[in-house]
Amino acid sequence: MLTDGESPWTGHDPAPLVEPDKDVVRIWSDGGMGEAPHHEVPIIFPRSAFALAVETVGEDLREFLQPLRAWLDARVSHASAEFISKFDTRFVRVRPADGD
């Protein structure tokens, strides 16, 4: 997101819009599906603070993988590996590039 300028898709409507701009990142409550944000006031983060927050969430999700795997193994062992792989690819490996 910080390197390609693309807002992540959250998978639902309303879809928040994450808008990087020089030294800040604005988060709008909608606009992520191509529509213009309404007249809301965005949440504004310094770019470095946003990148740190994204990395912190990534660390939390990496720590969550093992308990998630154990829970899935106990309930749906036939699908556990595939689910963990998709979860890891979609949520955990998403990180800002160095310097962002």
PDB file of N, CA and C in Angstrom:
ATOM      1  N   MET A   1       0.824  -1.179   0.000  1.00  0.00           N
ATOM      2  CA  MET A   1       0.000   0.000   0.000  1.00  0.00           C
ATOM      3  C   MET A   1       0.871   1.247   0.000  1.00  0.00           C
ATOM      4  N   LEU A   2       1.860   1.286   0.856  1.00  0.00           N
ATOM      5  CA  LEU A   2       2.698   2.481   0.885  1.00  0.00           C
ATOM      6  C   LEU A   2       3.657   2.547  -0.299  1.00  0.00           C
ATOM      7  N   THR A   3       3.955   1.413  -0.886  1.00  0.00           N
ATOM      8  CA  THR A   3       4.884   1.428  -2.016  1.00  0.00           C
ATOM      9  C   THR A   3       4.189   1.552  -3.359  1.00  0.00           C
ATOM     10  N   ASP A   4       2.971   1.003  -3.480  1.00  0.00           N
ATOM     11  CA  ASP A   4       2.302   1.057  -4.782  1.00  0.00           C
ATOM     12  C   ASP A   4       1.175   2.092  -4.839  1.00  0.00           C
ATOM     13  N   GLY A   5       0.827   2.688  -3.700  1.00  0.00           N
ATOM     14  CA  GLY A   5      -0.204   3.710  -3.671  1.00  0.00           C
ATOM     15  C   GLY A   5      -1.617   3.184  -3.768  1.00  0.00           C
ATOM     16  N   GLU A   6      -1.785   1.864  -3.816  1.00  0.00           N
ATOM     17  CA  GLU A   6      -3.106   1.256  -3.933  1.00  0.00           C
ATOM     18  C   GLU A   6      -3.723   1.062  -2.555  1.00  0.00           C
ATOM     19  N   SER A   7      -4.988   1.410  -2.426  1.00  0.00           N
ATOM     20  CA  SER A   7      -5.702   1.182  -1.184  1.00  0.00           C
ATOM     21  C   SER A   7      -6.051  -0.293  -1.084  1.00  0.00           C
ATOM     22  N   PRO A   8      -5.839  -0.917   0.085  1.00  0.00           N
ATOM     23  CA  PRO A   8      -6.213  -2.330   0.214  1.00  0.00           C
ATOM     24  C   PRO A   8      -7.728  -2.492   0.165  1.00  0.00           C
ATOM     25  N   TRP A   9      -8.185  -3.600  -0.382  1.00  0.00           N
ATOM     26  CA  TRP A   9      -9.614  -3.899  -0.416  1.00  0.00           C
ATOM     27  C   TRP A   9      -9.963  -4.665   0.844  1.00  0.00           C
ATOM     28  N   THR A  10     -10.981  -4.239   1.563  1.00  0.00           N
ATOM     29  CA  THR A  10     -11.351  -4.879   2.814  1.00  0.00           C
ATOM     30  C   THR A  10     -12.392  -5.977   2.635  1.00  0.00           C
ATOM     31  N   GLY A  11     -12.874  -6.147   1.430  1.00  0.00           N
ATOM     32  CA  GLY A  11     -13.781  -7.247   1.155  1.00  0.00           C
ATOM     33  C   GLY A  11     -15.246  -6.952   1.411  1.00  0.00           C
ATOM     34  N   HIS A  12     -15.591  -5.721   1.663  1.00  0.00           N
ATOM     35  CA  HIS A  12     -16.992  -5.410   1.928  1.00  0.00           C
ATOM     36  C   HIS A  12     -17.264  -3.933   1.646  1.00  0.00           C
ATOM     37  N   ASP A  13     -18.556  -3.611   1.619  1.00  0.00           N
ATOM     38  CA  ASP A  13     -19.001  -2.236   1.451  1.00  0.00           C
ATOM     39  C   ASP A  13     -19.700  -1.827   2.743  1.00  0.00           C
ATOM     40  N   PRO A  14     -19.397  -0.725   3.371  1.00  0.00           N
ATOM     41  CA  PRO A  14     -18.516   0.314   2.862  1.00  0.00           C
ATOM     42  C   PRO A  14     -17.063  -0.149   2.910  1.00  0.00           C
ATOM     43  N   ALA A  15     -16.329   0.286   1.935  1.00  0.00           N
ATOM     44  CA  ALA A  15     -14.924  -0.082   1.823  1.00  0.00           C
ATOM     45  C   ALA A  15     -14.072   1.143   2.148  1.00  0.00           C
ATOM     46  N   PRO A  16     -13.316   1.087   3.239  1.00  0.00           N
ATOM     47  CA  PRO A  16     -12.459   2.226   3.569  1.00  0.00           C
ATOM     48  C   PRO A  16     -11.445   2.503   2.464  1.00  0.00           C
ATOM     49  N   LEU A  17     -11.053   3.734   2.363  1.00  0.00           N
ATOM     50  CA  LEU A  17     -10.039   4.155   1.401  1.00  0.00           C
ATOM     51  C   LEU A  17      -8.812   4.587   2.186  1.00  0.00           C
ATOM     52  N   VAL A  18      -7.678   3.990   1.866  1.00  0.00           N
ATOM     53  CA  VAL A  18      -6.409   4.370   2.472  1.00  0.00           C
ATOM     54  C   VAL A  18      -5.645   5.142   1.409  1.00  0.00           C
ATOM     55  N   GLU A  19      -5.323   6.383   1.726  1.00  0.00           N
ATOM     56  CA  GLU A  19      -4.773   7.300   0.741  1.00  0.00           C
ATOM     57  C   GLU A  19      -3.413   7.836   1.208  1.00  0.00           C
ATOM     58  N   PRO A  20      -2.299   7.293   0.664  1.00  0.00           N
ATOM     59  CA  PRO A  20      -0.988   7.838   1.021  1.00  0.00           C
ATOM     60  C   PRO A  20      -0.754   9.168   0.301  1.00  0.00           C
ATOM     61  N   ASP A  21      -0.152  10.106   0.990  1.00  0.00           N
ATOM     62  CA  ASP A  21       0.120  11.413   0.395  1.00  0.00           C
ATOM     63  C   ASP A  21       1.350  12.004   1.073  1.00  0.00           C
ATOM     64  N   LYS A  22       2.472  11.967   0.387  1.00  0.00           N
ATOM     65  CA  LYS A  22       3.736  12.502   0.895  1.00  0.00           C
ATOM     66  C   LYS A  22       4.050  11.985   2.290  1.00  0.00           C
ATOM     67  N   ASP A  23       3.915  12.816   3.331  1.00  0.00           N
ATOM     68  CA  ASP A  23       4.311  12.443   4.683  1.00  0.00           C
ATOM     69  C   ASP A  23       3.172  11.945   5.556  1.00  0.00           C
ATOM     70  N   VAL A  24       1.964  11.818   4.983  1.00  0.00           N
ATOM     71  CA  VAL A  24       0.813  11.362   5.766  1.00  0.00           C
ATOM     72  C   VAL A  24       0.061  10.265   5.019  1.00  0.00           C
ATOM     73  N   VAL A  25      -0.777   9.566   5.773  1.00  0.00           N
ATOM     74  CA  VAL A  25      -1.710   8.589   5.211  1.00  0.00           C
ATOM     75  C   VAL A  25      -3.086   8.964   5.743  1.00  0.00           C
ATOM     76  N   ARG A  26      -4.038   9.128   4.826  1.00  0.00           N
ATOM     77  CA  ARG A  26      -5.412   9.435   5.218  1.00  0.00           C
ATOM     78  C   ARG A  26      -6.252   8.171   5.079  1.00  0.00           C
ATOM     79  N   ILE A  27      -7.093   7.941   6.069  1.00  0.00           N
ATOM     80  CA  ILE A  27      -8.013   6.804   6.016  1.00  0.00           C
ATOM     81  C   ILE A  27      -9.427   7.360   6.055  1.00  0.00           C
ATOM     82  N   TRP A  28     -10.159   7.088   4.958  1.00  0.00           N
ATOM     83  CA  TRP A  28     -11.539   7.529   4.810  1.00  0.00           C
ATOM     84  C   TRP A  28     -12.454   6.343   5.121  1.00  0.00           C
ATOM     85  N   SER A  29     -13.620   6.591   5.662  1.00  0.00           N
ATOM     86  CA  SER A  29     -14.537   5.500   6.012  1.00  0.00           C
ATOM     87  C   SER A  29     -15.142   4.825   4.789  1.00  0.00           C
ATOM     88  N   ASP A  30     -15.101   5.475   3.643  1.00  0.00           N
ATOM     89  CA  ASP A  30     -15.554   4.846   2.405  1.00  0.00           C
ATOM     90  C   ASP A  30     -14.753   5.425   1.244  1.00  0.00           C
ATOM     91  N   GLY A  31     -15.028   4.948   0.053  1.00  0.00           N
ATOM     92  CA  GLY A  31     -14.291   5.398  -1.122  1.00  0.00           C
ATOM     93  C   GLY A  31     -13.368   4.332  -1.688  1.00  0.00           C
ATOM     94  N   GLY A  32     -13.239   3.203  -0.992  1.00  0.00           N
ATOM     95  CA  GLY A  32     -12.334   2.148  -1.417  1.00  0.00           C
ATOM     96  C   GLY A  32     -12.827   1.290  -2.562  1.00  0.00           C
ATOM     97  N   MET A  33     -14.053   1.512  -3.001  1.00  0.00           N
ATOM     98  CA  MET A  33     -14.583   0.751  -4.136  1.00  0.00           C
ATOM     99  C   MET A  33     -14.698   1.638  -5.365  1.00  0.00           C
ATOM    100  N   GLY A  34     -13.904   2.717  -5.373  1.00  0.00           N
ATOM    101  CA  GLY A  34     -13.859   3.584  -6.533  1.00  0.00           C
ATOM    102  C   GLY A  34     -14.719   4.830  -6.436  1.00  0.00           C
ATOM    103  N   GLU A  35     -15.642   4.849  -5.493  1.00  0.00           N
ATOM    104  CA  GLU A  35     -16.479   6.036  -5.341  1.00  0.00           C
ATOM    105  C   GLU A  35     -15.712   7.113  -4.576  1.00  0.00           C
ATOM    106  N   ALA A  36     -16.083   8.336  -4.780  1.00  0.00           N
ATOM    107  CA  ALA A  36     -15.437   9.438  -4.053  1.00  0.00           C
ATOM    108  C   ALA A  36     -15.857   9.378  -2.593  1.00  0.00           C
ATOM    109  N   PRO A  37     -14.911   9.625  -1.669  1.00  0.00           N
ATOM    110  CA  PRO A  37     -15.305   9.670  -0.260  1.00  0.00           C
ATOM    111  C   PRO A  37     -16.363  10.751  -0.053  1.00  0.00           C
ATOM    112  N   HIS A  38     -17.309  10.453   0.831  1.00  0.00           N
ATOM    113  CA  HIS A  38     -18.325  11.455   1.154  1.00  0.00           C
ATOM    114  C   HIS A  38     -17.665  12.589   1.938  1.00  0.00           C
ATOM    115  N   HIS A  39     -18.410  13.387   2.566  1.00  0.00           N
ATOM    116  CA  HIS A  39     -17.872  14.566   3.230  1.00  0.00           C
ATOM    117  C   HIS A  39     -17.378  14.278   4.642  1.00  0.00           C
ATOM    118  N   GLU A  40     -16.889  13.076   4.900  1.00  0.00           N
ATOM    119  CA  GLU A  40     -16.354  12.746   6.209  1.00  0.00           C
ATOM    120  C   GLU A  40     -14.995  13.391   6.406  1.00  0.00           C
ATOM    121  N   VAL A  41     -14.554  13.378   7.628  1.00  0.00           N
ATOM    122  CA  VAL A  41     -13.211  13.840   7.957  1.00  0.00           C
ATOM    123  C   VAL A  41     -12.341  12.598   8.074  1.00  0.00           C
ATOM    124  N   PRO A  42     -11.222  12.522   7.364  1.00  0.00           N
ATOM    125  CA  PRO A  42     -10.394  11.313   7.427  1.00  0.00           C
ATOM    126  C   PRO A  42      -9.601  11.247   8.732  1.00  0.00           C
ATOM    127  N   ILE A  43      -9.162  10.050   9.056  1.00  0.00           N
ATOM    128  CA  ILE A  43      -8.169   9.860  10.107  1.00  0.00           C
ATOM    129  C   ILE A  43      -6.822  10.060   9.428  1.00  0.00           C
ATOM    130  N   ILE A  44      -5.966  10.868  10.002  1.00  0.00           N
ATOM    131  CA  ILE A  44      -4.683  11.167   9.369  1.00  0.00           C
ATOM    132  C   ILE A  44      -3.548  10.677  10.272  1.00  0.00           C
ATOM    133  N   PHE A  45      -2.669   9.856   9.692  1.00  0.00           N
ATOM    134  CA  PHE A  45      -1.493   9.336  10.385  1.00  0.00           C
ATOM    135  C   PHE A  45      -0.242   9.892   9.727  1.00  0.00           C
ATOM    136  N   PRO A  46       0.785  10.186  10.508  1.00  0.00           N
ATOM    137  CA  PRO A  46       2.086  10.391   9.871  1.00  0.00           C
ATOM    138  C   PRO A  46       2.465   9.083   9.164  1.00  0.00           C
ATOM    139  N   ARG A  47       3.054   9.186   8.004  1.00  0.00           N
ATOM    140  CA  ARG A  47       3.384   7.999   7.200  1.00  0.00           C
ATOM    141  C   ARG A  47       4.215   6.991   7.988  1.00  0.00           C
ATOM    142  N   SER A  48       5.193   7.460   8.744  1.00  0.00           N
ATOM    143  CA  SER A  48       6.049   6.552   9.515  1.00  0.00           C
ATOM    144  C   SER A  48       5.258   5.837  10.606  1.00  0.00           C
ATOM    145  N   ALA A  49       4.314   6.526  11.245  1.00  0.00           N
ATOM    146  CA  ALA A  49       3.495   5.896  12.286  1.00  0.00           C
ATOM    147  C   ALA A  49       2.568   4.847  11.678  1.00  0.00           C
ATOM    148  N   PHE A  50       2.036   5.131  10.489  1.00  0.00           N
ATOM    149  CA  PHE A  50       1.171   4.165   9.810  1.00  0.00           C
ATOM    150  C   PHE A  50       1.968   2.907   9.455  1.00  0.00           C
ATOM    151  N   ALA A  51       3.168   3.089   8.913  1.00  0.00           N
ATOM    152  CA  ALA A  51       4.008   1.939   8.547  1.00  0.00           C
ATOM    153  C   ALA A  51       4.332   1.105   9.783  1.00  0.00           C
ATOM    154  N   LEU A  52       4.634   1.761  10.898  1.00  0.00           N
ATOM    155  CA  LEU A  52       4.919   1.033  12.138  1.00  0.00           C
ATOM    156  C   LEU A  52       3.685   0.278  12.623  1.00  0.00           C
ATOM    157  N   ALA A  53       2.516   0.891  12.536  1.00  0.00           N
ATOM    158  CA  ALA A  53       1.281   0.224  12.957  1.00  0.00           C
ATOM    159  C   ALA A  53       0.997  -0.999  12.090  1.00  0.00           C
ATOM    160  N   VAL A  54       1.213  -0.896  10.789  1.00  0.00           N
ATOM    161  CA  VAL A  54       1.011  -2.034   9.889  1.00  0.00           C
ATOM    162  C   VAL A  54       1.986  -3.160  10.241  1.00  0.00           C
ATOM    163  N   GLU A  55       3.232  -2.823  10.523  1.00  0.00           N
ATOM    164  CA  GLU A  55       4.218  -3.841  10.908  1.00  0.00           C
ATOM    165  C   GLU A  55       3.839  -4.497  12.230  1.00  0.00           C
ATOM    166  N   THR A  56       3.345  -3.723  13.173  1.00  0.00           N
ATOM    167  CA  THR A  56       2.930  -4.272  14.467  1.00  0.00           C
ATOM    168  C   THR A  56       1.774  -5.252  14.298  1.00  0.00           C
ATOM    169  N   VAL A  57       0.814  -4.906  13.465  1.00  0.00           N
ATOM    170  CA  VAL A  57      -0.294  -5.821  13.184  1.00  0.00           C
ATOM    171  C   VAL A  57       0.245  -7.099  12.539  1.00  0.00           C
ATOM    172  N   GLY A  58       1.202  -6.958  11.625  1.00  0.00           N
ATOM    173  CA  GLY A  58       1.812  -8.130  10.992  1.00  0.00           C
ATOM    174  C   GLY A  58       2.473  -9.051  12.014  1.00  0.00           C
ATOM    175  N   GLU A  59       3.169  -8.474  12.976  1.00  0.00           N
ATOM    176  CA  GLU A  59       3.793  -9.279  14.033  1.00  0.00           C
ATOM    177  C   GLU A  59       2.729 -10.011  14.853  1.00  0.00           C
ATOM    178  N   ASP A  60       1.654  -9.313  15.195  1.00  0.00           N
ATOM    179  CA  ASP A  60       0.561  -9.946  15.937  1.00  0.00           C
ATOM    180  C   ASP A  60      -0.033 -11.109  15.146  1.00  0.00           C
ATOM    181  N   LEU A  61      -0.229 -10.917  13.850  1.00  0.00           N
ATOM    182  CA  LEU A  61      -0.793 -11.983  13.019  1.00  0.00           C
ATOM    183  C   LEU A  61       0.171 -13.158  12.880  1.00  0.00           C
ATOM    184  N   ARG A  62       1.480 -12.881  12.777  1.00  0.00           N
ATOM    185  CA  ARG A  62       2.459 -13.976  12.720  1.00  0.00           C
ATOM    186  C   ARG A  62       2.403 -14.804  14.001  1.00  0.00           C
ATOM    187  N   GLU A  63       2.262 -14.138  15.147  1.00  0.00           N
ATOM    188  CA  GLU A  63       2.167 -14.855  16.422  1.00  0.00           C
ATOM    189  C   GLU A  63       0.864 -15.644  16.522  1.00  0.00           C
ATOM    190  N   PHE A  64      -0.158 -15.208  15.817  1.00  0.00           N
ATOM    191  CA  PHE A  64      -1.460 -15.869  15.834  1.00  0.00           C
ATOM    192  C   PHE A  64      -1.484 -17.142  14.980  1.00  0.00           C
ATOM    193  N   LEU A  65      -0.563 -17.280  14.040  1.00  0.00           N
ATOM    194  CA  LEU A  65      -0.598 -18.427  13.123  1.00  0.00           C
ATOM    195  C   LEU A  65      -0.534 -19.766  13.846  1.00  0.00           C
ATOM    196  N   GLN A  66       0.339 -19.924  14.837  1.00  0.00           N
ATOM    197  CA  GLN A  66       0.472 -21.222  15.511  1.00  0.00           C
ATOM    198  C   GLN A  66      -0.793 -21.605  16.280  1.00  0.00           C
ATOM    199  N   PRO A  67      -1.366 -20.715  17.107  1.00  0.00           N
ATOM    200  CA  PRO A  67      -2.626 -21.098  17.763  1.00  0.00           C
ATOM    201  C   PRO A  67      -3.753 -21.353  16.757  1.00  0.00           C
ATOM    202  N   LEU A  68      -3.788 -20.595  15.677  1.00  0.00           N
ATOM    203  CA  LEU A  68      -4.794 -20.823  14.655  1.00  0.00           C
ATOM    204  C   LEU A  68      -4.609 -22.195  14.024  1.00  0.00           C
ATOM    205  N   ARG A  69      -3.364 -22.542  13.706  1.00  0.00           N
ATOM    206  CA  ARG A  69      -3.077 -23.856  13.117  1.00  0.00           C
ATOM    207  C   ARG A  69      -3.520 -24.977  14.071  1.00  0.00           C
ATOM    208  N   ALA A  70      -3.217 -24.838  15.362  1.00  0.00           N
ATOM    209  CA  ALA A  70      -3.601 -25.865  16.340  1.00  0.00           C
ATOM    210  C   ALA A  70      -5.122 -26.000  16.420  1.00  0.00           C
ATOM    211  N   TRP A  71      -5.815 -24.871  16.421  1.00  0.00           N
ATOM    212  CA  TRP A  71      -7.277 -24.899  16.481  1.00  0.00           C
ATOM    213  C   TRP A  71      -7.855 -25.578  15.244  1.00  0.00           C
ATOM    214  N   LEU A  72      -7.343 -25.219  14.071  1.00  0.00           N
ATOM    215  CA  LEU A  72      -7.830 -25.823  12.831  1.00  0.00           C
ATOM    216  C   LEU A  72      -7.512 -27.313  12.772  1.00  0.00           C
ATOM    217  N   ASP A  73      -6.305 -27.697  13.196  1.00  0.00           N
ATOM    218  CA  ASP A  73      -5.924 -29.113  13.190  1.00  0.00           C
ATOM    219  C   ASP A  73      -6.885 -29.945  14.030  1.00  0.00           C
ATOM    220  N   ALA A  74      -7.347 -29.374  15.138  1.00  0.00           N
ATOM    221  CA  ALA A  74      -8.256 -30.104  16.024  1.00  0.00           C
ATOM    222  C   ALA A  74      -9.673 -30.190  15.475  1.00  0.00           C
ATOM    223  N   ARG A  75     -10.034 -29.298  14.564  1.00  0.00           N
ATOM    224  CA  ARG A  75     -11.410 -29.253  14.091  1.00  0.00           C
ATOM    225  C   ARG A  75     -11.591 -29.630  12.622  1.00  0.00           C
ATOM    226  N   VAL A  76     -10.694 -29.199  11.772  1.00  0.00           N
ATOM    227  CA  VAL A  76     -10.807 -29.474  10.331  1.00  0.00           C
ATOM    228  C   VAL A  76      -9.412 -29.761   9.775  1.00  0.00           C
ATOM    229  N   SER A  77      -8.803 -30.798  10.284  1.00  0.00           N
ATOM    230  CA  SER A  77      -7.403 -31.079   9.936  1.00  0.00           C
ATOM    231  C   SER A  77      -7.183 -31.216   8.436  1.00  0.00           C
ATOM    232  N   HIS A  78      -8.174 -31.684   7.690  1.00  0.00           N
ATOM    233  CA  HIS A  78      -8.023 -31.847   6.249  1.00  0.00           C
ATOM    234  C   HIS A  78      -7.865 -30.510   5.521  1.00  0.00           C
ATOM    235  N   ALA A  79      -8.320 -29.424   6.114  1.00  0.00           N
ATOM    236  CA  ALA A  79      -8.255 -28.113   5.462  1.00  0.00           C
ATOM    237  C   ALA A  79      -7.278 -27.166   6.140  1.00  0.00           C
ATOM    238  N   SER A  80      -6.663 -27.595   7.209  1.00  0.00           N
ATOM    239  CA  SER A  80      -5.821 -26.714   8.017  1.00  0.00           C
ATOM    240  C   SER A  80      -4.656 -26.117   7.235  1.00  0.00           C
ATOM    241  N   ALA A  81      -3.885 -26.941   6.562  1.00  0.00           N
ATOM    242  CA  ALA A  81      -2.687 -26.458   5.858  1.00  0.00           C
ATOM    243  C   ALA A  81      -3.047 -25.449   4.772  1.00  0.00           C
ATOM    244  N   GLU A  82      -4.084 -25.732   4.009  1.00  0.00           N
ATOM    245  CA  GLU A  82      -4.488 -24.814   2.940  1.00  0.00           C
ATOM    246  C   GLU A  82      -4.976 -23.481   3.514  1.00  0.00           C
ATOM    247  N   PHE A  83      -5.771 -23.552   4.587  1.00  0.00           N
ATOM    248  CA  PHE A  83      -6.273 -22.320   5.195  1.00  0.00           C
ATOM    249  C   PHE A  83      -5.127 -21.484   5.754  1.00  0.00           C
ATOM    250  N   ILE A  84      -4.200 -22.118   6.464  1.00  0.00           N
ATOM    251  CA  ILE A  84      -3.058 -21.402   7.038  1.00  0.00           C
ATOM    252  C   ILE A  84      -2.234 -20.756   5.923  1.00  0.00           C
ATOM    253  N   SER A  85      -2.026 -21.467   4.838  1.00  0.00           N
ATOM    254  CA  SER A  85      -1.263 -20.912   3.717  1.00  0.00           C
ATOM    255  C   SER A  85      -1.949 -19.668   3.153  1.00  0.00           C
ATOM    256  N   LYS A  86      -3.260 -19.746   2.951  1.00  0.00           N
ATOM    257  CA  LYS A  86      -3.990 -18.593   2.408  1.00  0.00           C
ATOM    258  C   LYS A  86      -4.029 -17.435   3.405  1.00  0.00           C
ATOM    259  N   PHE A  87      -4.230 -17.736   4.674  1.00  0.00           N
ATOM    260  CA  PHE A  87      -4.238 -16.694   5.705  1.00  0.00           C
ATOM    261  C   PHE A  87      -2.877 -16.004   5.755  1.00  0.00           C
ATOM    262  N   ASP A  88      -1.817 -16.794   5.727  1.00  0.00           N
ATOM    263  CA  ASP A  88      -0.457 -16.256   5.769  1.00  0.00           C
ATOM    264  C   ASP A  88      -0.190 -15.359   4.567  1.00  0.00           C
ATOM    265  N   THR A  89      -0.557 -15.812   3.387  1.00  0.00           N
ATOM    266  CA  THR A  89      -0.327 -15.031   2.170  1.00  0.00           C
ATOM    267  C   THR A  89      -1.144 -13.741   2.168  1.00  0.00           C
ATOM    268  N   ARG A  90      -2.396 -13.831   2.578  1.00  0.00           N
ATOM    269  CA  ARG A  90      -3.309 -12.687   2.481  1.00  0.00           C
ATOM    270  C   ARG A  90      -3.103 -11.637   3.576  1.00  0.00           C
ATOM    271  N   PHE A  91      -2.788 -12.105   4.803  1.00  0.00           N
ATOM    272  CA  PHE A  91      -2.742 -11.185   5.935  1.00  0.00           C
ATOM    273  C   PHE A  91      -1.364 -10.999   6.555  1.00  0.00           C
ATOM    274  N   VAL A  92      -0.576 -12.042   6.627  1.00  0.00           N
ATOM    275  CA  VAL A  92       0.674 -11.972   7.385  1.00  0.00           C
ATOM    276  C   VAL A  92       1.820 -11.437   6.541  1.00  0.00           C
ATOM    277  N   ARG A  93       1.929 -11.860   5.321  1.00  0.00           N
ATOM    278  CA  ARG A  93       3.063 -11.455   4.480  1.00  0.00           C
ATOM    279  C   ARG A  93       2.910 -10.063   3.883  1.00  0.00           C
ATOM    280  N   VAL A  94       1.818  -9.415   4.156  1.00  0.00           N
ATOM    281  CA  VAL A  94       1.589  -8.058   3.668  1.00  0.00           C
ATOM    282  C   VAL A  94       2.295  -7.109   4.621  1.00  0.00           C
ATOM    283  N   ARG A  95       3.386  -6.498   4.141  1.00  0.00           N
ATOM    284  CA  ARG A  95       4.181  -5.609   4.981  1.00  0.00           C
ATOM    285  C   ARG A  95       4.609  -4.419   4.160  1.00  0.00           C
ATOM    286  N   PRO A  96       4.771  -3.269   4.805  1.00  0.00           N
ATOM    287  CA  PRO A  96       5.317  -2.132   4.055  1.00  0.00           C
ATOM    288  C   PRO A  96       6.769  -2.403   3.711  1.00  0.00           C
ATOM    289  N   ALA A  97       7.219  -1.873   2.588  1.00  0.00           N
ATOM    290  CA  ALA A  97       8.613  -2.020   2.195  1.00  0.00           C
ATOM    291  C   ALA A  97       9.499  -1.237   3.152  1.00  0.00           C
ATOM    292  N   ASP A  98      10.755  -1.658   3.264  1.00  0.00           N
ATOM    293  CA  ASP A  98      11.710  -0.939   4.113  1.00  0.00           C
ATOM    294  C   ASP A  98      11.751   0.531   3.703  1.00  0.00           C
ATOM    295  N   GLY A  99      11.777   1.377   4.705  1.00  0.00           N
ATOM    296  CA  GLY A  99      11.865   2.809   4.441  1.00  0.00           C
ATOM    297  C   GLY A  99      10.535   3.495   4.314  1.00  0.00           C
ATOM    298  N   ASP A 100       9.446   2.726   4.266  1.00  0.00           N
ATOM    299  CA  ASP A 100       8.106   3.341   4.178  1.00  0.00           C
ATOM    300  C   ASP A 100       7.579   3.638   5.560  1.00  0.00           C
TER     301      ASP A 100
END
